[in-house]
Amino acid sequence: MFLGIDIGTSSVKAVLTDADGAVAASASRPCTVSRPHPLWSEQEPEDWVSAAIAAVDELAERQPTALAAVLGIGFSGQMHGAVLLGIDNRVLRPAILWNDGRSHRQCATLEESLPTLRAISGNIAMPGFTAPKLLWVAEEEPDIFAALTKVLLPKAYVRWRFTGVMVEEMSDASGTLWLDVARRGWSDDLLAATRLTRAHMPDLAEGSDAVAQLSPELARRWGMKTPPLVAGGAGDCAASAVGLGAITPGDGFLSLGTSGVLWRTTDRFLPNPAMAVHAFCHALPGVWHQMGVMLSSAASLAWAASTLGAPEADLLAPLGDAVDGPSPVAFLPYLSGERTPHNDATVRGLFAGLSAETTRDAMVQAVLEGVAFAARDNLVALGEGAPTAFDLAGGGSRSRLWARICADVLGVTIHRIEDGEVGAALGAAHLGRMAATGESPATVCRKPRRLETFTPDPARADAYSQAWLRWRRLYPLAKEFAS
């Protein structure tokens, strides 16, 4: 058996997989986000640890024999978050998260002070990345910065608490703006631009490497006679790719999680910062990837449910499994700003086309379509050679309607897959398996069973193409309104 633990934004998930790579059991615990000021987004690192332990405790209660037989553990997690440690590894402040936009001014400083930043990191300096967050801390919280001894990403912090070892792997490290992505190593120039050195960084490993063992205390807690090996793991997107078998150049998937991702696996470093496309290392040796990223994907539907005062399932049910064409209402899903292709932390979402006749159903449909339109922006940003078929992952993959809308809007084939909602935790378990057994990625990272396939309907696809062009013209208005 193998265990995968995903440190998400809205929840921490743990999954057990068997010798065939199938999910045998899963458990999760919710997490809350603090927004003490406009643009801020923070979490307490201790909450991740408590949630992870509680999720595995549940597995131990439900599947004690299976959990005791775990040989390898992998961690995945939300990317970019800054956990700041001081003397005695004390947490200095709440972690600053991936969807925090406070450091947009520091991004401009980094770009101006280090002209080679994009060439080395493969990416534009964006507020979501870790490096500008640290520059913000240096300028706005100098006492905390002076006390800083180590910076860890979320999953690396939890793994340290589980093992006593501080290490980071290539996919998550790529999202810091401190990694030389082509060479897969820390960059002294990028670190110096944020007044840091390698001493502030954990050691680096590949995601499938065995980097530690579970602590004896936790092993005893969960009935394990021998502490399992722990893998380097992956950032949540790369872990999802491992879980989906997207390990060969040309493979792609669309994730409708809290944030959204359009993914393409590549055989080399292919930066495209001009379109705000992320070019990162994969969690496996010798492989890279590109991503278009949306900051509010399934989070947009969750916001609609909260605002309209109804569960998501109740909002979706009246729409059924198909719609005739675009909603008369348009929605921009920029609730936390946007990355690809705009790189805009301050823009905000909007509804357009509301009338006295507008129904709740029309607004909910517009939310689904707005996320799909943003995904089409991402597809355009990926450019020539982008995949023509995508597996659908994340919480949004539960919806047949959303899958159909995505196929029609993007003009590509969309596959709903088995276990699409646990992709990151599943991929983490696969990495734990490779670390423990030495098996190859080709053996472990098999593509999931496809439950249903959606191909574009020509009439709807044409109508959505026209609607997308109108939708794109709303961005300047949203930008002006947010300024």
Protein backbone atom coordinates (compact mmCIF):
# COMPACT_ATOMS: atom_id res chain seq x y z
CA MET A 1 0.00 0.00 0.00
CA PHE A 2 0.99 3.61 -0.60
CA LEU A 3 -0.17 6.91 0.89
CA GLY A 4 -0.58 10.28 -0.82
CA ILE A 5 -1.24 13.48 1.13
CA ASP A 6 -2.26 16.68 -0.69
CA ILE A 7 -2.00 20.00 1.16
CA GLY A 8 -4.69 21.98 -0.61
CA THR A 9 -6.10 25.44 -0.06
CA SER A 10 -9.63 24.43 0.84
CA SER A 11 -8.82 20.98 2.24
CA VAL A 12 -6.13 18.43 2.99
CA LYS A 13 -6.71 15.06 1.32
CA ALA A 14 -5.16 11.67 2.03
CA VAL A 15 -5.54 8.63 -0.23
CA LEU A 16 -4.45 5.02 0.07
CA THR A 17 -3.55 3.18 -3.12
CA ASP A 18 -3.05 -0.53 -3.63
CA ALA A 19 -0.53 -2.52 -5.64
CA ASP A 20 -2.51 -1.84 -8.83
CA GLY A 21 -2.40 1.92 -8.25
CA ALA A 22 -6.13 2.10 -7.53
CA VAL A 23 -7.58 4.28 -4.76
CA ALA A 24 -8.50 2.00 -1.85
CA ALA A 25 -9.65 4.72 0.56
CA SER A 26 -9.56 8.48 0.97
CA ALA A 27 -10.20 11.07 3.66
CA SER A 28 -10.10 14.85 3.85
CA ARG A 29 -10.24 17.70 6.31
CA PRO A 30 -11.25 21.31 5.51
CA CYS A 31 -8.95 24.31 5.72
CA THR A 32 -9.84 27.97 6.02
CA VAL A 33 -8.24 30.98 4.37
CA SER A 34 -7.73 34.31 6.15
CA ARG A 35 -8.05 37.56 4.19
CA PRO A 36 -7.18 40.26 6.75
CA HIS A 37 -6.64 42.99 4.11
CA PRO A 38 -7.51 43.52 0.44
CA LEU A 39 -5.36 41.28 -1.82
CA TRP A 40 -4.12 39.24 1.16
CA SER A 41 -4.59 35.47 1.43
CA GLU A 42 -3.03 33.56 4.32
CA GLN A 43 -3.21 30.28 6.23
CA GLU A 44 -1.70 28.98 9.47
CA PRO A 45 0.83 26.21 8.68
CA GLU A 46 -0.12 24.37 11.85
CA ASP A 47 -3.61 23.93 10.44
CA TRP A 48 -2.21 21.91 7.52
CA VAL A 49 -0.34 19.62 9.90
CA SER A 50 -3.39 19.06 12.10
CA ALA A 51 -5.58 18.42 9.08
CA ALA A 52 -3.11 15.98 7.53
CA ILE A 53 -2.76 14.00 10.75
CA ALA A 54 -6.54 13.94 11.21
CA ALA A 55 -7.10 12.69 7.65
CA VAL A 56 -4.60 9.86 8.09
CA ASP A 57 -6.08 9.11 11.52
CA GLU A 58 -9.41 8.54 9.76
CA LEU A 59 -7.78 6.14 7.31
CA ALA A 60 -6.17 4.34 10.25
CA GLU A 61 -9.57 3.97 11.88
CA ARG A 62 -11.32 2.78 8.71
CA GLN A 63 -8.49 0.77 7.12
CA PRO A 64 -6.00 -0.11 9.90
CA THR A 65 -4.48 -3.11 8.15
CA ALA A 66 -4.07 -1.30 4.85
CA LEU A 67 -2.51 1.78 6.44
CA ALA A 68 -0.12 -0.35 8.49
CA ALA A 69 1.08 -1.92 5.22
CA VAL A 70 2.10 1.41 3.63
CA LEU A 71 5.61 1.27 2.14
CA GLY A 72 5.89 4.74 0.65
CA ILE A 73 4.39 8.19 1.20
CA GLY A 74 4.22 11.15 -1.14
CA PHE A 75 3.21 14.74 -0.45
CA SER A 76 1.73 17.22 -2.88
CA GLY A 77 0.53 20.70 -2.15
CA GLN A 78 -0.61 24.14 -3.16
CA MET A 79 2.31 25.89 -4.84
CA HIS A 80 4.07 29.20 -4.17
CA GLY A 81 3.08 29.61 -0.51
CA ALA A 82 5.73 31.12 1.77
CA VAL A 83 6.25 29.48 5.16
CA LEU A 84 8.84 31.56 7.01
CA LEU A 85 10.87 29.92 9.76
CA GLY A 86 13.20 31.53 12.30
CA ILE A 87 15.48 30.28 15.04
CA ASP A 88 14.47 26.83 16.30
CA ASN A 89 12.36 26.51 13.14
CA ARG A 90 9.66 28.66 14.66
CA VAL A 91 6.95 29.88 12.24
CA LEU A 92 7.36 33.65 12.04
CA ARG A 93 4.01 34.63 10.50
CA PRO A 94 1.03 33.07 8.70
CA ALA A 95 1.90 31.57 5.32
CA ILE A 96 1.33 33.89 2.35
CA LEU A 97 -0.57 31.89 -0.28
CA TRP A 98 -0.52 31.45 -4.05
CA ASN A 99 -3.58 33.67 -4.56
CA ASP A 100 -2.20 36.56 -2.49
CA GLY A 101 -1.77 39.72 -4.57
CA ARG A 102 -0.06 42.14 -2.19
CA SER A 103 3.40 41.93 -3.80
CA HIS A 104 2.57 43.31 -7.27
CA ARG A 105 4.83 46.32 -6.70
CA GLN A 106 7.71 44.02 -5.71
CA CYS A 107 7.20 42.08 -8.96
CA ALA A 108 7.97 45.22 -10.93
CA THR A 109 11.07 45.76 -8.77
CA LEU A 110 12.32 42.24 -9.49
CA GLU A 111 11.79 42.60 -13.23
CA GLU A 112 13.64 45.92 -13.29
CA SER A 113 16.53 44.89 -11.06
CA LEU A 114 17.21 41.53 -12.72
CA PRO A 115 16.73 41.61 -16.52
CA THR A 116 17.67 37.91 -16.75
CA LEU A 117 14.87 36.82 -14.41
CA ARG A 118 12.55 35.52 -17.13
CA ALA A 119 15.33 33.73 -18.99
CA ILE A 120 16.47 31.86 -15.87
CA SER A 121 13.11 31.19 -14.22
CA GLY A 122 11.09 30.87 -17.41
CA ASN A 123 8.35 33.00 -15.93
CA ILE A 124 7.11 36.52 -15.36
CA ALA A 125 7.37 37.80 -11.81
CA MET A 126 3.80 37.47 -10.52
CA PRO A 127 2.44 38.22 -7.03
CA GLY A 128 1.46 34.59 -6.62
CA PHE A 129 5.06 33.40 -6.81
CA THR A 130 7.16 33.04 -3.68
CA ALA A 131 10.07 35.38 -4.43
CA PRO A 132 8.11 38.65 -4.59
CA LYS A 133 6.36 37.69 -1.34
CA LEU A 134 9.75 37.60 0.39
CA LEU A 135 10.71 40.94 -1.06
CA TRP A 136 7.43 42.32 0.32
CA VAL A 137 8.28 40.90 3.75
CA ALA A 138 11.75 42.42 3.56
CA GLU A 139 10.28 45.85 2.83
CA GLU A 140 7.09 45.79 4.92
CA GLU A 141 7.98 43.47 7.83
CA PRO A 142 11.74 43.97 8.24
CA ASP A 143 11.87 42.49 11.75
CA ILE A 144 10.40 39.24 10.48
CA PHE A 145 12.74 39.19 7.50
CA ALA A 146 15.74 39.79 9.78
CA ALA A 147 14.73 36.75 11.86
CA LEU A 148 14.31 34.51 8.81
CA THR A 149 16.42 31.36 8.62
CA LYS A 150 14.45 29.14 6.18
CA VAL A 151 11.71 29.41 3.57
CA LEU A 152 9.58 26.34 2.90
CA LEU A 153 6.67 25.71 0.57
CA PRO A 154 3.49 24.28 2.13
CA LYS A 155 4.02 20.59 1.42
CA ALA A 156 7.70 20.81 2.37
CA TYR A 157 6.71 22.26 5.73
CA VAL A 158 4.25 19.46 6.44
CA ARG A 159 6.74 16.84 5.27
CA TRP A 160 9.35 18.32 7.62
CA ARG A 161 6.88 18.00 10.47
CA PHE A 162 6.25 14.38 9.49
CA THR A 163 9.91 13.41 8.95
CA GLY A 164 12.29 16.00 10.41
CA VAL A 165 13.85 16.53 6.95
CA MET A 166 13.71 19.80 4.99
CA VAL A 167 13.80 19.17 1.24
CA GLU A 168 12.07 20.47 -1.86
CA GLU A 169 11.56 18.97 -5.29
CA MET A 170 11.79 20.48 -8.77
CA SER A 171 8.15 21.10 -9.72
CA ASP A 172 7.27 23.07 -6.60
CA ALA A 173 10.66 24.80 -6.55
CA SER A 174 9.97 26.00 -10.11
CA GLY A 175 7.12 28.12 -8.77
CA THR A 176 9.30 30.13 -6.41
CA LEU A 177 11.17 32.22 -9.03
CA TRP A 178 14.39 31.07 -7.34
CA LEU A 179 15.02 28.00 -9.51
CA ASP A 180 17.10 27.83 -12.66
CA VAL A 181 14.44 25.71 -14.36
CA ALA A 182 16.54 24.52 -17.29
CA ARG A 183 19.36 23.36 -15.01
CA ARG A 184 17.09 22.17 -12.16
CA GLY A 185 19.01 23.95 -9.39
CA TRP A 186 18.75 27.04 -7.18
CA SER A 187 19.92 30.25 -8.86
CA ASP A 188 22.22 32.46 -6.82
CA ASP A 189 21.25 35.48 -8.94
CA LEU A 190 17.51 34.97 -8.39
CA LEU A 191 18.01 34.45 -4.66
CA ALA A 192 20.18 37.53 -4.33
CA ALA A 193 17.49 39.63 -6.00
CA THR A 194 15.31 38.95 -2.95
CA ARG A 195 18.18 39.33 -0.43
CA LEU A 196 18.43 35.58 0.18
CA THR A 197 21.05 32.86 -0.24
CA ARG A 198 21.07 29.08 -0.66
CA ALA A 199 21.28 28.82 3.13
CA HIS A 200 17.65 29.94 3.27
CA MET A 201 16.58 27.15 0.91
CA PRO A 202 16.02 23.43 1.56
CA ASP A 203 17.98 20.84 -0.37
CA LEU A 204 16.61 19.84 -3.79
CA ALA A 205 15.53 16.41 -5.04
CA GLU A 206 13.44 14.89 -7.81
CA GLY A 207 9.84 14.11 -6.97
CA SER A 208 10.30 10.34 -7.20
CA ASP A 209 13.41 10.30 -5.03
CA ALA A 210 13.30 8.82 -1.52
CA VAL A 211 14.22 11.79 0.69
CA ALA A 212 13.21 10.76 4.23
CA GLN A 213 11.39 8.29 6.45
CA LEU A 214 8.20 8.88 8.40
CA SER A 215 8.94 9.71 12.02
CA PRO A 216 8.83 6.73 14.40
CA GLU A 217 6.18 8.51 16.48
CA LEU A 218 3.75 8.84 13.57
CA ALA A 219 4.56 5.33 12.36
CA ARG A 220 3.57 3.94 15.78
CA ARG A 221 0.45 6.13 15.82
CA TRP A 222 -0.70 4.51 12.58
CA GLY A 223 0.36 0.94 13.37
CA MET A 224 3.31 0.79 10.99
CA LYS A 225 6.06 -1.58 12.11
CA THR A 226 8.63 0.05 9.82
CA PRO A 227 8.46 3.79 9.05
CA PRO A 228 7.67 4.15 5.31
CA LEU A 229 9.98 5.97 2.91
CA VAL A 230 8.86 9.46 1.93
CA ALA A 231 9.25 10.83 -1.61
CA GLY A 232 10.22 14.27 -2.88
CA GLY A 233 6.62 14.66 -3.99
CA ALA A 234 5.24 17.40 -6.24
CA GLY A 235 3.43 20.67 -6.49
CA ASP A 236 -0.28 20.04 -6.85
CA CYS A 237 -0.37 20.47 -10.63
CA ALA A 238 2.60 18.20 -11.29
CA ALA A 239 1.19 15.67 -8.82
CA SER A 240 -2.10 15.71 -10.72
CA ALA A 241 -0.15 15.07 -13.92
CA VAL A 242 1.54 12.06 -12.31
CA GLY A 243 -1.84 10.78 -11.14
CA LEU A 244 -3.29 11.27 -14.62
CA GLY A 245 -0.36 9.63 -16.37
CA ALA A 246 0.52 12.92 -18.12
CA ILE A 247 4.22 12.12 -18.15
CA THR A 248 4.94 11.92 -21.90
CA PRO A 249 5.59 15.01 -24.03
CA GLY A 250 2.32 16.12 -25.61
CA ASP A 251 0.09 14.85 -22.79
CA GLY A 252 -2.41 17.38 -21.45
CA PHE A 253 -5.12 17.87 -18.87
CA LEU A 254 -7.54 20.54 -17.69
CA SER A 255 -7.97 20.95 -13.95
CA LEU A 256 -11.06 22.68 -12.54
CA GLY A 257 -9.96 22.89 -8.93
CA THR A 258 -9.98 25.95 -6.67
CA SER A 259 -7.73 27.41 -9.33
CA GLY A 260 -7.65 26.14 -12.91
CA VAL A 261 -4.81 24.73 -14.98
CA LEU A 262 -4.37 23.87 -18.64
CA TRP A 263 -1.33 21.56 -18.78
CA ARG A 264 1.06 20.34 -21.47
CA THR A 265 3.98 17.97 -20.76
CA THR A 266 7.23 18.86 -22.59
CA ASP A 267 10.56 17.15 -23.11
CA ARG A 268 12.55 20.33 -22.44
CA PHE A 269 12.37 23.77 -20.89
CA LEU A 270 10.03 25.85 -23.11
CA PRO A 271 9.52 29.30 -21.58
CA ASN A 272 6.78 31.58 -22.93
CA PRO A 273 6.63 34.45 -20.42
CA ALA A 274 5.24 36.90 -22.97
CA MET A 275 1.90 35.07 -22.72
CA ALA A 276 2.15 34.57 -18.93
CA VAL A 277 2.53 30.83 -19.51
CA HIS A 278 4.37 28.98 -16.72
CA ALA A 279 7.33 26.82 -17.75
CA PHE A 280 8.25 24.49 -14.87
CA CYS A 281 10.06 21.26 -14.15
CA HIS A 282 7.88 18.17 -13.93
CA ALA A 283 8.07 16.07 -10.76
CA LEU A 284 9.91 13.36 -12.72
CA PRO A 285 13.54 13.55 -13.86
CA GLY A 286 14.24 14.89 -17.34
CA VAL A 287 10.70 16.16 -18.00
CA TRP A 288 9.24 19.69 -17.95
CA HIS A 289 5.82 21.22 -18.57
CA GLN A 290 3.91 24.34 -19.53
CA MET A 291 0.79 25.61 -17.77
CA GLY A 292 -1.80 28.23 -18.33
CA VAL A 293 -3.24 29.16 -14.93
CA MET A 294 -6.60 30.61 -13.85
CA LEU A 295 -6.79 31.84 -10.27
CA SER A 296 -10.54 31.23 -9.77
CA SER A 297 -11.92 28.10 -11.40
CA ALA A 298 -14.12 25.92 -9.22
CA ALA A 299 -13.66 28.73 -6.70
CA SER A 300 -15.96 30.78 -8.94
CA LEU A 301 -18.75 28.24 -8.59
CA ALA A 302 -18.14 28.07 -4.83
CA TRP A 303 -18.42 31.86 -4.68
CA ALA A 304 -21.69 31.74 -6.63
CA ALA A 305 -23.07 29.11 -4.26
CA SER A 306 -22.16 31.23 -1.23
CA THR A 307 -23.51 34.43 -2.74
CA LEU A 308 -26.74 32.92 -4.05
CA GLY A 309 -27.29 30.98 -0.84
CA ALA A 310 -27.59 27.50 -2.32
CA PRO A 311 -25.35 24.41 -2.48
CA GLU A 312 -23.43 23.96 -5.72
CA ALA A 313 -25.38 20.81 -6.57
CA ASP A 314 -28.66 22.72 -6.25
CA LEU A 315 -27.36 25.43 -8.57
CA LEU A 316 -26.31 22.93 -11.23
CA ALA A 317 -29.27 20.55 -11.10
CA PRO A 318 -31.77 22.74 -13.03
CA LEU A 319 -29.30 23.11 -15.91
CA GLY A 320 -29.13 19.36 -16.53
CA ASP A 321 -26.33 17.79 -18.56
CA ALA A 322 -26.48 20.09 -21.60
CA VAL A 323 -27.44 23.60 -22.68
CA ASP A 324 -28.48 24.80 -26.14
CA GLY A 325 -25.88 27.54 -26.34
CA PRO A 326 -24.26 30.45 -24.51
CA SER A 327 -25.98 32.17 -21.62
CA PRO A 328 -27.25 35.68 -22.34
CA VAL A 329 -25.17 36.73 -19.34
CA ALA A 330 -21.35 36.89 -19.32
CA PHE A 331 -19.12 36.34 -16.29
CA LEU A 332 -15.42 37.14 -15.85
CA PRO A 333 -13.96 34.78 -13.21
CA TYR A 334 -11.24 37.13 -12.00
CA LEU A 335 -12.26 37.02 -8.34
CA SER A 336 -8.62 36.91 -7.20
CA GLY A 337 -7.04 38.53 -10.25
CA GLU A 338 -5.71 36.45 -13.11
CA ARG A 339 -2.48 34.92 -14.34
CA THR A 340 -2.61 33.59 -17.90
CA PRO A 341 -2.71 35.54 -20.14
CA HIS A 342 -3.17 38.84 -18.26
CA ASN A 343 -0.75 38.64 -15.30
CA ASP A 344 -3.04 41.00 -13.41
CA ALA A 345 -3.39 40.73 -9.63
CA THR A 346 -5.75 43.69 -9.29
CA VAL A 347 -8.41 42.99 -11.93
CA ARG A 348 -11.69 41.70 -10.54
CA GLY A 349 -14.59 39.71 -11.92
CA LEU A 350 -17.88 40.99 -13.23
CA PHE A 351 -21.27 40.02 -14.64
CA ALA A 352 -22.40 41.66 -17.88
CA GLY A 353 -25.74 41.54 -19.67
CA LEU A 354 -27.97 41.40 -16.61
CA SER A 355 -31.61 42.35 -17.11
CA ALA A 356 -34.89 42.21 -15.22
CA GLU A 357 -35.47 38.83 -16.89
CA THR A 358 -32.13 37.33 -15.85
CA THR A 359 -32.58 34.08 -13.92
CA ARG A 360 -30.37 32.33 -11.42
CA ASP A 361 -29.88 29.54 -13.97
CA ALA A 362 -28.54 32.02 -16.54
CA MET A 363 -26.07 33.39 -14.01
CA VAL A 364 -24.87 29.94 -12.95
CA GLN A 365 -24.43 28.91 -16.58
CA ALA A 366 -22.44 32.10 -17.16
CA VAL A 367 -20.11 31.18 -14.29
CA LEU A 368 -19.37 27.79 -15.87
CA GLU A 369 -18.87 29.41 -19.28
CA GLY A 370 -16.69 32.19 -17.89
CA VAL A 371 -14.23 29.65 -16.50
CA ALA A 372 -14.30 27.77 -19.82
CA PHE A 373 -13.64 31.02 -21.72
CA ALA A 374 -10.67 31.68 -19.43
CA ALA A 375 -9.43 28.17 -20.22
CA ARG A 376 -9.70 28.99 -23.92
CA ASP A 377 -7.51 32.04 -23.29
CA ASN A 378 -5.02 29.60 -21.76
CA LEU A 379 -5.23 27.30 -24.78
CA VAL A 380 -4.47 30.19 -27.11
CA ALA A 381 -1.56 31.20 -24.88
CA LEU A 382 -0.02 27.71 -25.11
CA GLY A 383 0.16 28.25 -28.86
CA GLU A 384 1.11 25.87 -31.61
CA GLY A 385 1.38 22.23 -30.61
CA ALA A 386 -1.13 22.43 -27.76
CA PRO A 387 -2.95 19.14 -27.12
CA THR A 388 -6.29 18.51 -28.84
CA ALA A 389 -7.63 16.30 -26.04
CA PHE A 390 -7.58 16.83 -22.27
CA ASP A 391 -8.45 14.69 -19.28
CA LEU A 392 -10.62 16.65 -16.84
CA ALA A 393 -9.53 16.79 -13.19
CA GLY A 394 -10.42 18.68 -10.01
CA GLY A 395 -13.72 19.13 -8.23
CA GLY A 396 -15.31 20.60 -11.36
CA SER A 397 -14.82 17.27 -13.13
CA ARG A 398 -17.90 15.97 -11.30
CA SER A 399 -20.12 18.03 -13.61
CA ARG A 400 -21.03 16.48 -16.97
CA LEU A 401 -22.42 19.86 -18.04
CA TRP A 402 -19.17 21.66 -17.29
CA ALA A 403 -17.23 19.02 -19.22
CA ARG A 404 -19.54 19.47 -22.20
CA ILE A 405 -19.25 23.26 -22.06
CA CYS A 406 -15.44 23.01 -21.93
CA ALA A 407 -15.40 20.78 -25.00
CA ASP A 408 -17.60 23.20 -26.95
CA VAL A 409 -15.78 26.35 -25.81
CA LEU A 410 -12.23 25.03 -26.30
CA GLY A 411 -13.02 23.05 -29.43
CA VAL A 412 -11.20 20.00 -28.04
CA THR A 413 -12.03 16.54 -26.76
CA ILE A 414 -12.66 16.37 -22.99
CA HIS A 415 -12.50 13.09 -21.05
CA ARG A 416 -14.15 12.67 -17.65
CA ILE A 417 -12.03 10.20 -15.73
CA GLU A 418 -12.12 7.91 -12.73
CA ASP A 419 -10.89 9.49 -9.48
CA GLY A 420 -10.55 12.88 -11.16
CA GLU A 421 -11.16 14.69 -7.88
CA VAL A 422 -8.18 13.14 -6.07
CA GLY A 423 -5.62 13.60 -8.82
CA ALA A 424 -2.97 15.42 -6.75
CA ALA A 425 -3.17 13.05 -3.77
CA LEU A 426 -3.18 10.07 -6.14
CA GLY A 427 -0.09 11.40 -7.91
CA ALA A 428 1.60 11.92 -4.55
CA ALA A 429 0.90 8.28 -3.68
CA HIS A 430 2.41 7.20 -7.01
CA LEU A 431 5.56 9.21 -6.23
CA GLY A 432 5.71 7.56 -2.81
CA ARG A 433 5.46 4.19 -4.54
CA MET A 434 8.33 4.98 -6.94
CA ALA A 435 10.47 6.16 -4.02
CA ALA A 436 9.81 2.96 -2.08
CA THR A 437 9.99 0.39 -4.89
CA GLY A 438 12.24 1.92 -7.53
CA GLU A 439 9.63 1.22 -10.21
CA SER A 440 9.69 3.33 -13.36
CA PRO A 441 7.22 6.14 -14.08
CA ALA A 442 5.94 4.21 -17.10
CA THR A 443 5.03 1.29 -14.84
CA VAL A 444 3.36 3.34 -12.09
CA CYS A 445 1.86 6.38 -13.84
CA ARG A 446 -0.82 4.75 -15.96
CA LYS A 447 -3.59 6.80 -17.48
CA PRO A 448 -6.89 6.61 -15.58
CA ARG A 449 -10.00 4.90 -16.85
CA ARG A 450 -12.06 7.28 -18.93
CA LEU A 451 -15.69 7.41 -17.86
CA GLU A 452 -17.09 9.60 -20.61
CA THR A 453 -15.83 11.55 -23.63
CA PHE A 454 -17.20 14.84 -24.91
CA THR A 455 -16.42 16.16 -28.37
CA PRO A 456 -17.35 19.65 -29.59
CA ASP A 457 -20.80 20.08 -31.06
CA PRO A 458 -20.24 22.14 -34.25
CA ALA A 459 -23.23 24.45 -33.80
CA ARG A 460 -22.59 25.13 -30.12
CA ALA A 461 -18.83 25.46 -30.71
CA ASP A 462 -19.43 28.15 -33.33
CA ALA A 463 -21.81 30.04 -31.04
CA TYR A 464 -19.30 29.81 -28.19
CA SER A 465 -16.49 31.10 -30.42
CA GLN A 466 -18.52 34.24 -31.09
CA ALA A 467 -19.43 34.55 -27.41
CA TRP A 468 -15.76 34.16 -26.40
CA LEU A 469 -14.75 37.04 -28.68
CA ARG A 470 -17.38 39.25 -27.02
CA TRP A 471 -16.31 38.01 -23.58
CA ARG A 472 -12.67 38.94 -24.21
CA ARG A 473 -13.67 42.56 -24.81
CA LEU A 474 -14.90 42.79 -21.22
CA TYR A 475 -11.41 42.61 -19.69
CA PRO A 476 -10.56 46.32 -20.18
CA LEU A 477 -13.89 47.23 -18.57
CA ALA A 478 -13.19 44.96 -15.59
CA LYS A 479 -9.70 46.44 -15.33
CA GLU A 480 -11.04 49.99 -15.39
CA PHE A 481 -13.71 49.21 -12.81
CA ALA A 482 -11.16 47.63 -10.45
CA SER A 483 -8.70 50.51 -10.69
